[in-house]
Amino acid sequence: MSLIDRQRVEAVRFLEAQGYAFEEGGWKPIVGNTSATLEGDAIHAMMVRRAEAIAGHPDHEAEFESLTIAINAYESVRWRA
C-alpha cells in the first residue's frame, strides 16, 4: 500500500472516530453523536452569547457580522429542515 493510501485510510479512521460518516457523497455528523453534537452546540452557545453582548456596538460591527455568518452556517447544518 502506498503512502497516500495509508494516509487516506487513516483520515477515514480519524473522521469516523470524530463521529462522522460518509453519506450521499460527503462526510456528515452521525445523527445522535453526543460528542460532536455537544461540542458543536457548546461553541454555538458561546458564539450566540458573544453576538448578543456586542449587538449594536459600533466598535464591534465586523466581529458581529462574522459571528452571525458562523452561527447561521452552524444552524443550517445542525438543524436542517
PDB file of N, CA and C in Angstrom:
ATOM      1  N   MET A   1       0.850  -1.172   0.000  1.00  0.00           N
ATOM      2  CA  MET A   1       0.000   0.000   0.000  1.00  0.00           C
ATOM      3  C   MET A   1       0.894   1.233   0.000  1.00  0.00           C
ATOM      4  N   SER A   2       0.532   2.197  -0.833  1.00  0.00           N
ATOM      5  CA  SER A   2       1.339   3.409  -0.941  1.00  0.00           C
ATOM      6  C   SER A   2       1.097   4.327   0.256  1.00  0.00           C
ATOM      7  N   LEU A   3       1.967   5.320   0.407  1.00  0.00           N
ATOM      8  CA  LEU A   3       1.846   6.276   1.493  1.00  0.00           C
ATOM      9  C   LEU A   3       0.513   7.020   1.419  1.00  0.00           C
ATOM     10  N   ILE A   4       0.119   7.437   0.228  1.00  0.00           N
ATOM     11  CA  ILE A   4      -1.140   8.169   0.085  1.00  0.00           C
ATOM     12  C   ILE A   4      -2.326   7.295   0.468  1.00  0.00           C
ATOM     13  N   ASP A   5      -2.277   6.012   0.129  1.00  0.00           N
ATOM     14  CA  ASP A   5      -3.354   5.107   0.522  1.00  0.00           C
ATOM     15  C   ASP A   5      -3.422   4.963   2.037  1.00  0.00           C
ATOM     16  N   ARG A   6      -2.283   4.862   2.682  1.00  0.00           N
ATOM     17  CA  ARG A   6      -2.262   4.766   4.151  1.00  0.00           C
ATOM     18  C   ARG A   6      -2.809   6.043   4.785  1.00  0.00           C
ATOM     19  N   GLN A   7      -2.467   7.197   4.187  1.00  0.00           N
ATOM     20  CA  GLN A   7      -2.979   8.466   4.699  1.00  0.00           C
ATOM     21  C   GLN A   7      -4.499   8.538   4.548  1.00  0.00           C
ATOM     22  N   ARG A   8      -5.008   8.071   3.442  1.00  0.00           N
ATOM     23  CA  ARG A   8      -6.463   8.078   3.224  1.00  0.00           C
ATOM     24  C   ARG A   8      -7.169   7.168   4.226  1.00  0.00           C
ATOM     25  N   VAL A   9      -6.612   5.998   4.447  1.00  0.00           N
ATOM     26  CA  VAL A   9      -7.197   5.067   5.415  1.00  0.00           C
ATOM     27  C   VAL A   9      -7.201   5.694   6.807  1.00  0.00           C
ATOM     28  N   GLU A  10      -6.101   6.322   7.177  1.00  0.00           N
ATOM     29  CA  GLU A  10      -6.015   6.963   8.490  1.00  0.00           C
ATOM     30  C   GLU A  10      -6.983   8.139   8.586  1.00  0.00           C
ATOM     31  N   ALA A  11      -7.146   8.889   7.512  1.00  0.00           N
ATOM     32  CA  ALA A  11      -8.085  10.009   7.516  1.00  0.00           C
ATOM     33  C   ALA A  11      -9.516   9.518   7.722  1.00  0.00           C
ATOM     34  N   VAL A  12      -9.876   8.429   7.075  1.00  0.00           N
ATOM     35  CA  VAL A  12     -11.211   7.846   7.262  1.00  0.00           C
ATOM     36  C   VAL A  12     -11.388   7.398   8.707  1.00  0.00           C
ATOM     37  N   ARG A  13     -10.403   6.725   9.251  1.00  0.00           N
ATOM     38  CA  ARG A  13     -10.487   6.298  10.664  1.00  0.00           C
ATOM     39  C   ARG A  13     -10.657   7.492  11.593  1.00  0.00           C
ATOM     40  N   PHE A  14      -9.909   8.559  11.329  1.00  0.00           N
ATOM     41  CA  PHE A  14      -9.983   9.749  12.163  1.00  0.00           C
ATOM     42  C   PHE A  14     -11.383  10.366  12.103  1.00  0.00           C
ATOM     43  N   LEU A  15     -11.909  10.554  10.896  1.00  0.00           N
ATOM     44  CA  LEU A  15     -13.238  11.152  10.759  1.00  0.00           C
ATOM     45  C   LEU A  15     -14.312  10.288  11.412  1.00  0.00           C
ATOM     46  N   GLU A  16     -14.221   8.988  11.253  1.00  0.00           N
ATOM     47  CA  GLU A  16     -15.191   8.101  11.884  1.00  0.00           C
ATOM     48  C   GLU A  16     -15.071   8.162  13.407  1.00  0.00           C
ATOM     49  N   ALA A  17     -13.861   8.279  13.923  1.00  0.00           N
ATOM     50  CA  ALA A  17     -13.660   8.392  15.373  1.00  0.00           C
ATOM     51  C   ALA A  17     -14.202   9.719  15.902  1.00  0.00           C
ATOM     52  N   GLN A  18     -14.253  10.732  15.043  1.00  0.00           N
ATOM     53  CA  GLN A  18     -14.784  12.033  15.442  1.00  0.00           C
ATOM     54  C   GLN A  18     -16.303  12.098  15.321  1.00  0.00           C
ATOM     55  N   GLY A  19     -16.922  10.996  14.887  1.00  0.00           N
ATOM     56  CA  GLY A  19     -18.381  10.952  14.818  1.00  0.00           C
ATOM     57  C   GLY A  19     -18.973  11.317  13.473  1.00  0.00           C
ATOM     58  N   TYR A  20     -18.216  11.088  12.401  1.00  0.00           N
ATOM     59  CA  TYR A  20     -18.712  11.383  11.064  1.00  0.00           C
ATOM     60  C   TYR A  20     -18.855  10.097  10.261  1.00  0.00           C
ATOM     61  N   ALA A  21     -19.785  10.125   9.301  1.00  0.00           N
ATOM     62  CA  ALA A  21     -19.978   9.006   8.385  1.00  0.00           C
ATOM     63  C   ALA A  21     -20.047   9.568   6.969  1.00  0.00           C
ATOM     64  N   PHE A  22     -19.562   8.792   6.007  1.00  0.00           N
ATOM     65  CA  PHE A  22     -19.597   9.225   4.610  1.00  0.00           C
ATOM     66  C   PHE A  22     -20.936   8.801   4.022  1.00  0.00           C
ATOM     67  N   GLU A  23     -21.797   9.789   3.758  1.00  0.00           N
ATOM     68  CA  GLU A  23     -23.129   9.521   3.232  1.00  0.00           C
ATOM     69  C   GLU A  23     -23.439  10.493   2.105  1.00  0.00           C
ATOM     70  N   GLU A  24     -24.113  10.006   1.094  1.00  0.00           N
ATOM     71  CA  GLU A  24     -24.572  10.842  -0.013  1.00  0.00           C
ATOM     72  C   GLU A  24     -23.452  11.695  -0.595  1.00  0.00           C
ATOM     73  N   GLY A  25     -22.274  11.126  -0.700  1.00  0.00           N
ATOM     74  CA  GLY A  25     -21.156  11.808  -1.334  1.00  0.00           C
ATOM     75  C   GLY A  25     -20.395  12.791  -0.470  1.00  0.00           C
ATOM     76  N   GLY A  26     -20.619  12.772   0.840  1.00  0.00           N
ATOM     77  CA  GLY A  26     -19.901  13.700   1.709  1.00  0.00           C
ATOM     78  C   GLY A  26     -19.862  13.223   3.153  1.00  0.00           C
ATOM     79  N   TRP A  27     -18.990  13.828   3.944  1.00  0.00           N
ATOM     80  CA  TRP A  27     -18.862  13.490   5.360  1.00  0.00           C
ATOM     81  C   TRP A  27     -19.899  14.271   6.150  1.00  0.00           C
ATOM     82  N   LYS A  28     -20.682  13.546   6.949  1.00  0.00           N
ATOM     83  CA  LYS A  28     -21.737  14.177   7.741  1.00  0.00           C
ATOM     84  C   LYS A  28     -21.677  13.654   9.169  1.00  0.00           C
ATOM     85  N   PRO A  29     -22.040  14.510  10.145  1.00  0.00           N
ATOM     86  CA  PRO A  29     -22.055  14.036  11.532  1.00  0.00           C
ATOM     87  C   PRO A  29     -23.084  12.925  11.693  1.00  0.00           C
ATOM     88  N   ILE A  30     -22.744  11.938  12.465  1.00  0.00           N
ATOM     89  CA  ILE A  30     -23.676  10.861  12.743  1.00  0.00           C
ATOM     90  C   ILE A  30     -24.788  11.418  13.628  1.00  0.00           C
ATOM     91  N   VAL A  31     -26.025  11.195  13.211  1.00  0.00           N
ATOM     92  CA  VAL A  31     -27.169  11.694  13.972  1.00  0.00           C
ATOM     93  C   VAL A  31     -27.141  11.080  15.364  1.00  0.00           C
ATOM     94  N   GLY A  32     -27.273  11.937  16.363  1.00  0.00           N
ATOM     95  CA  GLY A  32     -27.266  11.461  17.738  1.00  0.00           C
ATOM     96  C   GLY A  32     -25.880  11.290  18.318  1.00  0.00           C
ATOM     97  N   ASN A  33     -24.855  11.680  17.576  1.00  0.00           N
ATOM     98  CA  ASN A  33     -23.493  11.572  18.085  1.00  0.00           C
ATOM     99  C   ASN A  33     -23.313  12.595  19.195  1.00  0.00           C
ATOM    100  N   THR A  34     -23.222  12.132  20.409  1.00  0.00           N
ATOM    101  CA  THR A  34     -23.201  13.055  21.538  1.00  0.00           C
ATOM    102  C   THR A  34     -21.925  13.868  21.614  1.00  0.00           C
ATOM    103  N   SER A  35     -20.781  13.294  21.282  1.00  0.00           N
ATOM    104  CA  SER A  35     -19.513  14.015  21.394  1.00  0.00           C
ATOM    105  C   SER A  35     -19.465  15.207  20.449  1.00  0.00           C
ATOM    106  N   ALA A  36     -19.643  14.963  19.163  1.00  0.00           N
ATOM    107  CA  ALA A  36     -19.583  16.039  18.180  1.00  0.00           C
ATOM    108  C   ALA A  36     -20.727  17.027  18.386  1.00  0.00           C
ATOM    109  N   THR A  37     -21.896  16.522  18.702  1.00  0.00           N
ATOM    110  CA  THR A  37     -23.063  17.380  18.898  1.00  0.00           C
ATOM    111  C   THR A  37     -22.880  18.281  20.104  1.00  0.00           C
ATOM    112  N   LEU A  38     -22.439  17.728  21.217  1.00  0.00           N
ATOM    113  CA  LEU A  38     -22.270  18.526  22.421  1.00  0.00           C
ATOM    114  C   LEU A  38     -21.200  19.599  22.241  1.00  0.00           C
ATOM    115  N   GLU A  39     -20.094  19.255  21.627  1.00  0.00           N
ATOM    116  CA  GLU A  39     -19.031  20.230  21.403  1.00  0.00           C
ATOM    117  C   GLU A  39     -19.494  21.339  20.466  1.00  0.00           C
ATOM    118  N   GLY A  40     -20.144  20.965  19.386  1.00  0.00           N
ATOM    119  CA  GLY A  40     -20.640  21.960  18.438  1.00  0.00           C
ATOM    120  C   GLY A  40     -21.685  22.869  19.061  1.00  0.00           C
ATOM    121  N   ASP A  41     -22.591  22.284  19.828  1.00  0.00           N
ATOM    122  CA  ASP A  41     -23.627  23.081  20.485  1.00  0.00           C
ATOM    123  C   ASP A  41     -23.032  24.024  21.523  1.00  0.00           C
ATOM    124  N   ALA A  42     -22.000  23.605  22.219  1.00  0.00           N
ATOM    125  CA  ALA A  42     -21.352  24.468  23.208  1.00  0.00           C
ATOM    126  C   ALA A  42     -20.686  25.657  22.523  1.00  0.00           C
ATOM    127  N   ILE A  43     -20.018  25.414  21.411  1.00  0.00           N
ATOM    128  CA  ILE A  43     -19.387  26.511  20.662  1.00  0.00           C
ATOM    129  C   ILE A  43     -20.466  27.445  20.109  1.00  0.00           C
ATOM    130  N   HIS A  44     -21.545  26.874  19.610  1.00  0.00           N
ATOM    131  CA  HIS A  44     -22.659  27.674  19.105  1.00  0.00           C
ATOM    132  C   HIS A  44     -23.196  28.582  20.211  1.00  0.00           C
ATOM    133  N   ALA A  45     -23.403  28.043  21.384  1.00  0.00           N
ATOM    134  CA  ALA A  45     -23.922  28.838  22.503  1.00  0.00           C
ATOM    135  C   ALA A  45     -22.976  29.981  22.860  1.00  0.00           C
ATOM    136  N   MET A  46     -21.670  29.718  22.846  1.00  0.00           N
ATOM    137  CA  MET A  46     -20.699  30.775  23.144  1.00  0.00           C
ATOM    138  C   MET A  46     -20.757  31.878  22.092  1.00  0.00           C
ATOM    139  N   MET A  47     -20.886  31.489  20.824  1.00  0.00           N
ATOM    140  CA  MET A  47     -20.960  32.497  19.760  1.00  0.00           C
ATOM    141  C   MET A  47     -22.232  33.333  19.884  1.00  0.00           C
ATOM    142  N   VAL A  48     -23.340  32.683  20.222  1.00  0.00           N
ATOM    143  CA  VAL A  48     -24.599  33.416  20.374  1.00  0.00           C
ATOM    144  C   VAL A  48     -24.508  34.401  21.543  1.00  0.00           C
ATOM    145  N   ARG A  49     -23.953  33.961  22.669  1.00  0.00           N
ATOM    146  CA  ARG A  49     -23.797  34.863  23.822  1.00  0.00           C
ATOM    147  C   ARG A  49     -22.915  36.060  23.464  1.00  0.00           C
ATOM    148  N   ARG A  50     -21.822  35.825  22.747  1.00  0.00           N
ATOM    149  CA  ARG A  50     -20.931  36.920  22.360  1.00  0.00           C
ATOM    150  C   ARG A  50     -21.652  37.872  21.404  1.00  0.00           C
ATOM    151  N   ALA A  51     -22.376  37.314  20.437  1.00  0.00           N
ATOM    152  CA  ALA A  51     -23.103  38.156  19.482  1.00  0.00           C
ATOM    153  C   ALA A  51     -24.140  39.012  20.202  1.00  0.00           C
ATOM    154  N   GLU A  52     -24.829  38.434  21.165  1.00  0.00           N
ATOM    155  CA  GLU A  52     -25.812  39.203  21.935  1.00  0.00           C
ATOM    156  C   GLU A  52     -25.133  40.315  22.729  1.00  0.00           C
ATOM    157  N   ALA A  53     -23.960  40.042  23.255  1.00  0.00           N
ATOM    158  CA  ALA A  53     -23.243  41.021  24.077  1.00  0.00           C
ATOM    159  C   ALA A  53     -22.755  42.220  23.265  1.00  0.00           C
ATOM    160  N   ILE A  54     -22.412  42.006  22.004  1.00  0.00           N
ATOM    161  CA  ILE A  54     -21.843  43.091  21.196  1.00  0.00           C
ATOM    162  C   ILE A  54     -22.834  43.689  20.209  1.00  0.00           C
ATOM    163  N   ALA A  55     -24.048  43.140  20.141  1.00  0.00           N
ATOM    164  CA  ALA A  55     -25.050  43.635  19.186  1.00  0.00           C
ATOM    165  C   ALA A  55     -25.294  45.125  19.409  1.00  0.00           C
ATOM    166  N   GLY A  56     -25.228  45.885  18.336  1.00  0.00           N
ATOM    167  CA  GLY A  56     -25.492  47.309  18.398  1.00  0.00           C
ATOM    168  C   GLY A  56     -24.309  48.179  18.770  1.00  0.00           C
ATOM    169  N   HIS A  57     -23.170  47.586  19.092  1.00  0.00           N
ATOM    170  CA  HIS A  57     -21.980  48.369  19.424  1.00  0.00           C
ATOM    171  C   HIS A  57     -21.200  48.645  18.135  1.00  0.00           C
ATOM    172  N   PRO A  58     -21.056  49.911  17.768  1.00  0.00           N
ATOM    173  CA  PRO A  58     -20.387  50.240  16.507  1.00  0.00           C
ATOM    174  C   PRO A  58     -18.944  49.755  16.415  1.00  0.00           C
ATOM    175  N   ASP A  59     -18.268  49.639  17.548  1.00  0.00           N
ATOM    176  CA  ASP A  59     -16.860  49.196  17.526  1.00  0.00           C
ATOM    177  C   ASP A  59     -16.725  47.715  17.194  1.00  0.00           C
ATOM    178  N   HIS A  60     -17.827  46.975  17.234  1.00  0.00           N
ATOM    179  CA  HIS A  60     -17.769  45.522  17.052  1.00  0.00           C
ATOM    180  C   HIS A  60     -18.594  45.039  15.856  1.00  0.00           C
ATOM    181  N   GLU A  61     -18.831  45.914  14.901  1.00  0.00           N
ATOM    182  CA  GLU A  61     -19.665  45.541  13.756  1.00  0.00           C
ATOM    183  C   GLU A  61     -19.078  44.379  12.957  1.00  0.00           C
ATOM    184  N   ALA A  62     -17.773  44.419  12.712  1.00  0.00           N
ATOM    185  CA  ALA A  62     -17.139  43.352  11.919  1.00  0.00           C
ATOM    186  C   ALA A  62     -17.195  42.018  12.664  1.00  0.00           C
ATOM    187  N   GLU A  63     -16.924  42.045  13.958  1.00  0.00           N
ATOM    188  CA  GLU A  63     -16.997  40.815  14.748  1.00  0.00           C
ATOM    189  C   GLU A  63     -18.419  40.284  14.777  1.00  0.00           C
ATOM    190  N   PHE A  64     -19.392  41.167  14.948  1.00  0.00           N
ATOM    191  CA  PHE A  64     -20.793  40.749  14.975  1.00  0.00           C
ATOM    192  C   PHE A  64     -21.190  40.098  13.656  1.00  0.00           C
ATOM    193  N   GLU A  65     -20.760  40.699  12.549  1.00  0.00           N
ATOM    194  CA  GLU A  65     -21.075  40.137  11.235  1.00  0.00           C
ATOM    195  C   GLU A  65     -20.451  38.748  11.068  1.00  0.00           C
ATOM    196  N   SER A  66     -19.203  38.586  11.486  1.00  0.00           N
ATOM    197  CA  SER A  66     -18.536  37.288  11.392  1.00  0.00           C
ATOM    198  C   SER A  66     -19.245  36.241  12.246  1.00  0.00           C
ATOM    199  N   LEU A  67     -19.619  36.626  13.456  1.00  0.00           N
ATOM    200  CA  LEU A  67     -20.338  35.700  14.332  1.00  0.00           C
ATOM    201  C   LEU A  67     -21.678  35.300  13.733  1.00  0.00           C
ATOM    202  N   THR A  68     -22.381  36.261  13.164  1.00  0.00           N
ATOM    203  CA  THR A  68     -23.678  35.969  12.560  1.00  0.00           C
ATOM    204  C   THR A  68     -23.538  34.966  11.418  1.00  0.00           C
ATOM    205  N   ILE A  69     -22.529  35.139  10.603  1.00  0.00           N
ATOM    206  CA  ILE A  69     -22.288  34.203   9.498  1.00  0.00           C
ATOM    207  C   ILE A  69     -21.988  32.808  10.044  1.00  0.00           C
ATOM    208  N   ALA A  70     -21.125  32.723  11.040  1.00  0.00           N
ATOM    209  CA  ALA A  70     -20.758  31.424  11.616  1.00  0.00           C
ATOM    210  C   ALA A  70     -21.955  30.762  12.295  1.00  0.00           C
ATOM    211  N   ILE A  71     -22.734  31.527  13.033  1.00  0.00           N
ATOM    212  CA  ILE A  71     -23.913  30.984  13.711  1.00  0.00           C
ATOM    213  C   ILE A  71     -24.914  30.447  12.689  1.00  0.00           C
ATOM    214  N   ASN A  72     -25.192  31.221  11.672  1.00  0.00           N
ATOM    215  CA  ASN A  72     -26.141  30.777  10.641  1.00  0.00           C
ATOM    216  C   ASN A  72     -25.654  29.534   9.909  1.00  0.00           C
ATOM    217  N   ALA A  73     -24.361  29.466   9.630  1.00  0.00           N
ATOM    218  CA  ALA A  73     -23.802  28.290   8.955  1.00  0.00           C
ATOM    219  C   ALA A  73     -23.946  27.051   9.831  1.00  0.00           C
ATOM    220  N   TYR A  74     -23.636  27.183  11.111  1.00  0.00           N
ATOM    221  CA  TYR A  74     -23.759  26.038  12.019  1.00  0.00           C
ATOM    222  C   TYR A  74     -25.215  25.593  12.122  1.00  0.00           C
ATOM    223  N   GLU A  75     -26.115  26.548  12.300  1.00  0.00           N
ATOM    224  CA  GLU A  75     -27.527  26.203  12.453  1.00  0.00           C
ATOM    225  C   GLU A  75     -28.090  25.526  11.210  1.00  0.00           C
ATOM    226  N   SER A  76     -27.638  25.944  10.030  1.00  0.00           N
ATOM    227  CA  SER A  76     -28.135  25.346   8.799  1.00  0.00           C
ATOM    228  C   SER A  76     -27.709  23.892   8.653  1.00  0.00           C
ATOM    229  N   VAL A  77     -26.572  23.546   9.238  1.00  0.00           N
ATOM    230  CA  VAL A  77     -26.100  22.160   9.193  1.00  0.00           C
ATOM    231  C   VAL A  77     -26.680  21.357  10.351  1.00  0.00           C
ATOM    232  N   ARG A  78     -26.687  21.938  11.523  1.00  0.00           N
ATOM    233  CA  ARG A  78     -27.110  21.230  12.735  1.00  0.00           C
ATOM    234  C   ARG A  78     -28.604  20.939  12.743  1.00  0.00           C
ATOM    235  N   TRP A  79     -29.400  21.919  12.355  1.00  0.00           N
ATOM    236  CA  TRP A  79     -30.850  21.759  12.402  1.00  0.00           C
ATOM    237  C   TRP A  79     -31.434  21.912  11.004  1.00  0.00           C
ATOM    238  N   ARG A  80     -31.099  20.975  10.147  1.00  0.00           N
ATOM    239  CA  ARG A  80     -31.609  21.005   8.771  1.00  0.00           C
ATOM    240  C   ARG A  80     -33.100  20.803   8.773  1.00  0.00           C
ATOM    241  N   ALA A  81     -33.760  21.514   7.870  1.00  0.00           N
ATOM    242  CA  ALA A  81     -35.224  21.389   7.768  1.00  0.00           C
ATOM    243  C   ALA A  81     -35.600  20.197   6.928  1.00  0.00           C
TER     244      ALA A  81
END
